PDB file of N, CA and C in Angstrom:
ATOM      1  N   MET A   1       0.789  -1.227   0.089  1.00  0.00           N
ATOM      2  CA  MET A   1       0.210  -0.025  -0.036  1.00  0.00           C
ATOM      3  C   MET A   1       0.841   1.537  -0.054  1.00  0.00           C
ATOM      4  N   SER A   2       0.475   2.484  -0.763  1.00  0.00           N
ATOM      5  CA  SER A   2       1.435   3.414  -0.772  1.00  0.00           C
ATOM      6  C   SER A   2       1.129   4.234   0.504  1.00  0.00           C
ATOM      7  N   LEU A   3       2.246   5.330   0.586  1.00  0.00           N
ATOM      8  CA  LEU A   3       1.787   6.138   1.886  1.00  0.00           C
ATOM      9  C   LEU A   3       0.462   7.364   1.252  1.00  0.00           C
ATOM     10  N   THR A   4       0.253   7.622   0.189  1.00  0.00           N
ATOM     11  CA  THR A   4      -0.950   8.322  -0.139  1.00  0.00           C
ATOM     12  C   THR A   4      -2.357   7.124   0.061  1.00  0.00           C
ATOM     13  N   ALA A   5      -2.175   6.055  -0.031  1.00  0.00           N
ATOM     14  CA  ALA A   5      -3.402   5.316  -0.049  1.00  0.00           C
ATOM     15  C   ALA A   5      -3.405   5.147   1.469  1.00  0.00           C
ATOM     16  N   ALA A   6      -2.456   5.224   2.019  1.00  0.00           N
ATOM     17  CA  ALA A   6      -2.692   4.882   3.673  1.00  0.00           C
ATOM     18  C   ALA A   6      -3.477   6.045   3.898  1.00  0.00           C
ATOM     19  N   ARG A   7      -3.079   7.300   3.656  1.00  0.00           N
ATOM     20  CA  ARG A   7      -3.057   8.538   4.360  1.00  0.00           C
ATOM     21  C   ARG A   7      -4.895   8.455   3.905  1.00  0.00           C
ATOM     22  N   SER A   8      -4.986   8.333   2.656  1.00  0.00           N
ATOM     23  CA  SER A   8      -6.853   8.291   2.106  1.00  0.00           C
ATOM     24  C   SER A   8      -7.349   7.387   3.232  1.00  0.00           C
ATOM     25  N   HIS A   9      -7.297   6.112   3.405  1.00  0.00           N
ATOM     26  CA  HIS A   9      -8.140   5.425   4.310  1.00  0.00           C
ATOM     27  C   HIS A   9      -7.229   4.681   5.347  1.00  0.00           C
ATOM     28  N   PRO A  10      -7.142   5.669   6.401  1.00  0.00           N
ATOM     29  CA  PRO A  10      -6.164   5.473   7.462  1.00  0.00           C
ATOM     30  C   PRO A  10      -6.800   4.014   8.339  1.00  0.00           C
ATOM     31  N   GLU A  11      -8.562   3.419   8.176  1.00  0.00           N
ATOM     32  CA  GLU A  11      -8.966   2.830   8.352  1.00  0.00           C
ATOM     33  C   GLU A  11      -8.508   1.183   8.201  1.00  0.00           C
ATOM     34  N   THR A  12      -8.017   1.424   6.704  1.00  0.00           N
ATOM     35  CA  THR A  12      -7.560   0.300   6.377  1.00  0.00           C
ATOM     36  C   THR A  12      -6.036  -0.517   6.869  1.00  0.00           C
ATOM     37  N   SER A  13      -5.358   0.756   6.750  1.00  0.00           N
ATOM     38  CA  SER A  13      -3.734   0.692   7.536  1.00  0.00           C
ATOM     39  C   SER A  13      -3.728  -0.073   8.909  1.00  0.00           C
ATOM     40  N   VAL A  14      -5.063   0.788   9.708  1.00  0.00           N
ATOM     41  CA  VAL A  14      -5.265   0.030  11.465  1.00  0.00           C
ATOM     42  C   VAL A  14      -5.734  -1.048  11.397  1.00  0.00           C
ATOM     43  N   ARG A  15      -6.838  -1.722   9.935  1.00  0.00           N
ATOM     44  CA  ARG A  15      -7.308  -3.296  10.031  1.00  0.00           C
ATOM     45  C   ARG A  15      -5.960  -3.833   9.614  1.00  0.00           C
ATOM     46  N   ASN A  16      -5.127  -3.600   8.793  1.00  0.00           N
ATOM     47  CA  ASN A  16      -4.155  -4.387   8.548  1.00  0.00           C
ATOM     48  C   ASN A  16      -2.993  -4.650   9.626  1.00  0.00           C
ATOM     49  N   ASN A  17      -2.623  -3.367  10.347  1.00  0.00           N
ATOM     50  CA  ASN A  17      -1.870  -3.621  11.501  1.00  0.00           C
ATOM     51  C   ASN A  17      -2.165  -4.638  12.544  1.00  0.00           C
ATOM     52  N   THR A  18      -3.936  -4.301  13.046  1.00  0.00           N
ATOM     53  CA  THR A  18      -4.704  -5.230  13.786  1.00  0.00           C
ATOM     54  C   THR A  18      -4.679  -6.595  13.352  1.00  0.00           C
ATOM     55  N   GLN A  19      -4.603  -7.138  12.438  1.00  0.00           N
ATOM     56  CA  GLN A  19      -4.552  -8.366  11.359  1.00  0.00           C
ATOM     57  C   GLN A  19      -2.688  -8.724  11.773  1.00  0.00           C
ATOM     58  N   LEU A  20      -2.393  -8.169  11.394  1.00  0.00           N
ATOM     59  CA  LEU A  20      -0.838  -8.662  11.493  1.00  0.00           C
ATOM     60  C   LEU A  20      -0.301  -8.709  12.707  1.00  0.00           C
ATOM     61  N   ALA A  21      -0.765  -7.918  14.022  1.00  0.00           N
ATOM     62  CA  ALA A  21      -0.348  -8.157  15.504  1.00  0.00           C
ATOM     63  C   ALA A  21      -1.491  -9.427  15.946  1.00  0.00           C
ATOM     64  N   LEU A  22      -2.500  -9.320  15.451  1.00  0.00           N
ATOM     65  CA  LEU A  22      -3.124 -10.790  15.619  1.00  0.00           C
ATOM     66  C   LEU A  22      -2.279 -12.320  15.016  1.00  0.00           C
ATOM     67  N   ALA A  23      -1.754 -12.062  14.064  1.00  0.00           N
ATOM     68  CA  ALA A  23      -1.587 -13.087  13.366  1.00  0.00           C
ATOM     69  C   ALA A  23       0.060 -13.545  14.370  1.00  0.00           C
ATOM     70  N   VAL A  24       0.808 -12.644  14.552  1.00  0.00           N
ATOM     71  CA  VAL A  24       1.917 -12.686  15.428  1.00  0.00           C
ATOM     72  C   VAL A  24       1.689 -12.990  16.751  1.00  0.00           C
ATOM     73  N   LEU A  25       0.584 -12.779  17.410  1.00  0.00           N
ATOM     74  CA  LEU A  25      -0.044 -13.371  18.634  1.00  0.00           C
ATOM     75  C   LEU A  25      -0.266 -14.583  18.454  1.00  0.00           C
ATOM     76  N   ALA A  26      -0.855 -15.045  17.444  1.00  0.00           N
ATOM     77  CA  ALA A  26      -1.336 -16.445  16.993  1.00  0.00           C
ATOM     78  C   ALA A  26      -0.148 -17.169  17.204  1.00  0.00           C
ATOM     79  N   LEU A  27       0.784 -16.938  16.254  1.00  0.00           N
ATOM     80  CA  LEU A  27       2.268 -17.384  16.151  1.00  0.00           C
ATOM     81  C   LEU A  27       3.042 -18.020  17.355  1.00  0.00           C
ATOM     82  N   VAL A  28       2.744 -16.882  18.212  1.00  0.00           N
ATOM     83  CA  VAL A  28       3.748 -17.099  19.389  1.00  0.00           C
ATOM     84  C   VAL A  28       3.188 -17.874  20.553  1.00  0.00           C
ATOM     85  N   ILE A  29       2.079 -18.101  20.096  1.00  0.00           N
ATOM     86  CA  ILE A  29       0.962 -18.772  21.120  1.00  0.00           C
ATOM     87  C   ILE A  29       1.122 -20.558  20.749  1.00  0.00           C
ATOM     88  N   ALA A  30       0.855 -20.178  19.165  1.00  0.00           N
ATOM     89  CA  ALA A  30       1.349 -21.891  18.698  1.00  0.00           C
ATOM     90  C   ALA A  30       2.739 -22.265  19.026  1.00  0.00           C
ATOM     91  N   VAL A  31       3.700 -21.522  19.289  1.00  0.00           N
ATOM     92  CA  VAL A  31       4.713 -22.144  19.404  1.00  0.00           C
ATOM     93  C   VAL A  31       5.006 -22.768  20.605  1.00  0.00           C
ATOM     94  N   VAL A  32       4.757 -21.517  21.763  1.00  0.00           N
ATOM     95  CA  VAL A  32       4.951 -22.042  22.989  1.00  0.00           C
ATOM     96  C   VAL A  32       4.270 -22.851  23.472  1.00  0.00           C
ATOM     97  N   VAL A  33       2.536 -23.483  23.071  1.00  0.00           N
ATOM     98  CA  VAL A  33       2.095 -24.399  23.409  1.00  0.00           C
ATOM     99  C   VAL A  33       2.841 -25.760  22.605  1.00  0.00           C
ATOM    100  N   VAL A  34       3.210 -25.873  21.550  1.00  0.00           N
ATOM    101  CA  VAL A  34       3.826 -26.940  20.784  1.00  0.00           C
ATOM    102  C   VAL A  34       5.254 -27.208  22.018  1.00  0.00           C
ATOM    103  N   ASP A  35       6.219 -26.282  22.234  1.00  0.00           N
ATOM    104  CA  ASP A  35       7.242 -26.250  22.837  1.00  0.00           C
ATOM    105  C   ASP A  35       7.152 -26.747  24.094  1.00  0.00           C
ATOM    106  N   VAL A  36       6.045 -26.867  24.646  1.00  0.00           N
ATOM    107  CA  VAL A  36       5.864 -27.102  26.441  1.00  0.00           C
ATOM    108  C   VAL A  36       5.184 -28.256  26.232  1.00  0.00           C
ATOM    109  N   LEU A  37       3.936 -28.602  25.358  1.00  0.00           N
ATOM    110  CA  LEU A  37       3.152 -29.559  25.416  1.00  0.00           C
ATOM    111  C   LEU A  37       3.871 -30.672  24.799  1.00  0.00           C
ATOM    112  N   VAL A  38       4.667 -30.539  23.726  1.00  0.00           N
ATOM    113  CA  VAL A  38       4.942 -31.603  23.042  1.00  0.00           C
ATOM    114  C   VAL A  38       6.442 -31.874  22.909  1.00  0.00           C
ATOM    115  N   PHE A  39       7.065 -31.370  22.751  1.00  0.00           N
ATOM    116  CA  PHE A  39       8.762 -31.390  22.529  1.00  0.00           C
ATOM    117  C   PHE A  39       9.558 -31.103  23.856  1.00  0.00           C
ATOM    118  N   LYS A  40       8.822 -31.007  24.826  1.00  0.00           N
ATOM    119  CA  LYS A  40       9.668 -30.765  25.892  1.00  0.00           C
ATOM    120  C   LYS A  40      10.952 -31.783  26.182  1.00  0.00           C
ATOM    121  N   GLY A  41      12.276 -31.274  25.942  1.00  0.00           N
ATOM    122  CA  GLY A  41      13.340 -32.007  26.113  1.00  0.00           C
ATOM    123  C   GLY A  41      13.998 -32.673  24.829  1.00  0.00           C
ATOM    124  N   HIS A  42      13.236 -32.146  23.976  1.00  0.00           N
ATOM    125  CA  HIS A  42      13.747 -32.706  22.595  1.00  0.00           C
ATOM    126  C   HIS A  42      13.953 -31.618  21.518  1.00  0.00           C
ATOM    127  N   PHE A  43      15.457 -31.295  21.255  1.00  0.00           N
ATOM    128  CA  PHE A  43      16.014 -30.093  20.511  1.00  0.00           C
ATOM    129  C   PHE A  43      15.525 -30.013  19.433  1.00  0.00           C
ATOM    130  N   TRP A  44      16.466 -30.912  19.192  1.00  0.00           N
ATOM    131  CA  TRP A  44      15.911 -31.072  17.410  1.00  0.00           C
ATOM    132  C   TRP A  44      14.248 -30.900  16.806  1.00  0.00           C
ATOM    133  N   PRO A  45      13.693 -32.068  17.125  1.00  0.00           N
ATOM    134  CA  PRO A  45      12.498 -32.186  16.744  1.00  0.00           C
ATOM    135  C   PRO A  45      11.301 -30.772  17.196  1.00  0.00           C
ATOM    136  N   ARG A  46      11.694 -29.963  18.254  1.00  0.00           N
ATOM    137  CA  ARG A  46      11.348 -28.732  18.734  1.00  0.00           C
ATOM    138  C   ARG A  46      11.666 -27.902  18.197  1.00  0.00           C
ATOM    139  N   LEU A  47      13.039 -27.861  17.402  1.00  0.00           N
ATOM    140  CA  LEU A  47      13.701 -26.743  16.421  1.00  0.00           C
ATOM    141  C   LEU A  47      12.595 -26.864  15.157  1.00  0.00           C
ATOM    142  N   LEU A  48      12.307 -28.114  14.663  1.00  0.00           N
ATOM    143  CA  LEU A  48      11.767 -28.201  13.334  1.00  0.00           C
ATOM    144  C   LEU A  48      10.551 -27.998  13.154  1.00  0.00           C
ATOM    145  N   ALA A  49       9.810 -28.670  14.577  1.00  0.00           N
ATOM    146  CA  ALA A  49       8.503 -27.877  14.305  1.00  0.00           C
ATOM    147  C   ALA A  49       8.330 -26.685  14.518  1.00  0.00           C
ATOM    148  N   ASN A  50       9.244 -26.032  15.560  1.00  0.00           N
ATOM    149  CA  ASN A  50       9.259 -24.538  15.170  1.00  0.00           C
ATOM    150  C   ASN A  50       9.165 -23.502  13.801  1.00  0.00           C
ATOM    151  N   ILE A  51      10.065 -23.962  13.143  1.00  0.00           N
ATOM    152  CA  ILE A  51      10.786 -23.761  11.840  1.00  0.00           C
ATOM    153  C   ILE A  51       9.149 -23.806  10.945  1.00  0.00           C
ATOM    154  N   GLY A  52       8.543 -25.257  11.122  1.00  0.00           N
ATOM    155  CA  GLY A  52       7.607 -25.877  10.186  1.00  0.00           C
ATOM    156  C   GLY A  52       6.255 -24.746  10.914  1.00  0.00           C
ATOM    157  N   ILE A  53       6.174 -23.910  11.800  1.00  0.00           N
ATOM    158  CA  ILE A  53       4.594 -23.453  12.419  1.00  0.00           C
ATOM    159  C   ILE A  53       4.841 -22.037  11.644  1.00  0.00           C
ATOM    160  N   VAL A  54       6.364 -21.537  11.831  1.00  0.00           N
ATOM    161  CA  VAL A  54       6.652 -19.922  11.204  1.00  0.00           C
ATOM    162  C   VAL A  54       6.415 -20.143  10.021  1.00  0.00           C
ATOM    163  N   LEU A  55       6.601 -21.003   8.739  1.00  0.00           N
ATOM    164  CA  LEU A  55       6.742 -21.163   7.787  1.00  0.00           C
ATOM    165  C   LEU A  55       5.029 -21.177   7.194  1.00  0.00           C
ATOM    166  N   VAL A  56       4.382 -22.042   8.258  1.00  0.00           N
ATOM    167  CA  VAL A  56       2.761 -22.072   7.749  1.00  0.00           C
ATOM    168  C   VAL A  56       2.052 -20.769   8.132  1.00  0.00           C
ATOM    169  N   PHE A  57       2.448 -20.064   8.925  1.00  0.00           N
ATOM    170  CA  PHE A  57       1.904 -18.972   9.249  1.00  0.00           C
ATOM    171  C   PHE A  57       2.659 -18.007   8.605  1.00  0.00           C
ATOM    172  N   ILE A  58       3.587 -17.908   7.849  1.00  0.00           N
ATOM    173  CA  ILE A  58       4.018 -17.172   6.710  1.00  0.00           C
ATOM    174  C   ILE A  58       3.039 -17.235   5.592  1.00  0.00           C
ATOM    175  N   ALA A  59       3.056 -18.311   5.215  1.00  0.00           N
ATOM    176  CA  ALA A  59       2.105 -19.126   3.942  1.00  0.00           C
ATOM    177  C   ALA A  59       0.635 -18.444   4.336  1.00  0.00           C
ATOM    178  N   PHE A  60       0.450 -18.557   5.674  1.00  0.00           N
ATOM    179  CA  PHE A  60      -0.951 -18.065   5.639  1.00  0.00           C
ATOM    180  C   PHE A  60      -1.569 -16.820   5.329  1.00  0.00           C
ATOM    181  N   TYR A  61      -0.276 -16.083   5.847  1.00  0.00           N
ATOM    182  CA  TYR A  61      -0.315 -14.302   5.961  1.00  0.00           C
ATOM    183  C   TYR A  61      -0.117 -14.115   4.455  1.00  0.00           C
ATOM    184  N   LEU A  62       0.870 -14.708   3.600  1.00  0.00           N
ATOM    185  CA  LEU A  62       0.740 -13.907   2.228  1.00  0.00           C
ATOM    186  C   LEU A  62      -0.155 -14.715   1.596  1.00  0.00           C
ATOM    187  N   ARG A  63      -1.196 -15.550   2.252  1.00  0.00           N
ATOM    188  CA  ARG A  63      -1.921 -15.939   1.073  1.00  0.00           C
ATOM    189  C   ARG A  63      -3.479 -15.213   1.192  1.00  0.00           C
ATOM    190  N   PHE A  64      -3.608 -15.033   2.272  1.00  0.00           N
ATOM    191  CA  PHE A  64      -4.878 -14.497   3.025  1.00  0.00           C
ATOM    192  C   PHE A  64      -4.718 -12.845   3.587  1.00  0.00           C
ATOM    193  N   LEU A  65      -3.835 -13.027   4.323  1.00  0.00           N
ATOM    194  CA  LEU A  65      -3.952 -11.424   5.146  1.00  0.00           C
ATOM    195  C   LEU A  65      -3.834 -10.133   4.324  1.00  0.00           C
ATOM    196  N   ARG A  66      -2.423 -10.368   3.524  1.00  0.00           N
ATOM    197  CA  ARG A  66      -1.729  -9.614   2.857  1.00  0.00           C
ATOM    198  C   ARG A  66      -2.828  -9.088   1.636  1.00  0.00           C
ATOM    199  N   LYS A  67      -3.055  -7.802   1.442  1.00  0.00           N
ATOM    200  CA  LYS A  67      -3.425  -6.881   0.568  1.00  0.00           C
ATOM    201  C   LYS A  67      -2.586  -6.333  -0.471  1.00  0.00           C
ATOM    202  N   ALA A  68      -2.683  -6.828  -1.680  1.00  0.00           N
ATOM    203  CA  ALA A  68      -1.237  -6.174  -2.337  1.00  0.00           C
ATOM    204  C   ALA A  68      -1.930  -5.323  -3.292  1.00  0.00           C
TER     205      ALA A  68
END
């Protein structure tokens, strides 16, 4: 979104920032829950699962939340 577009539609910018903040919050919660409940004490599976979770969230963001 260009700077002029953001100035003419400030509610769109706020909505996009809110969606991004919620997506990041959901990502953090998912990583912590998986770490604590599933992979306690297993370093490599934990690392791979965290990388996988982040990649899934990035793909979801690029597909559904990003408005070009």
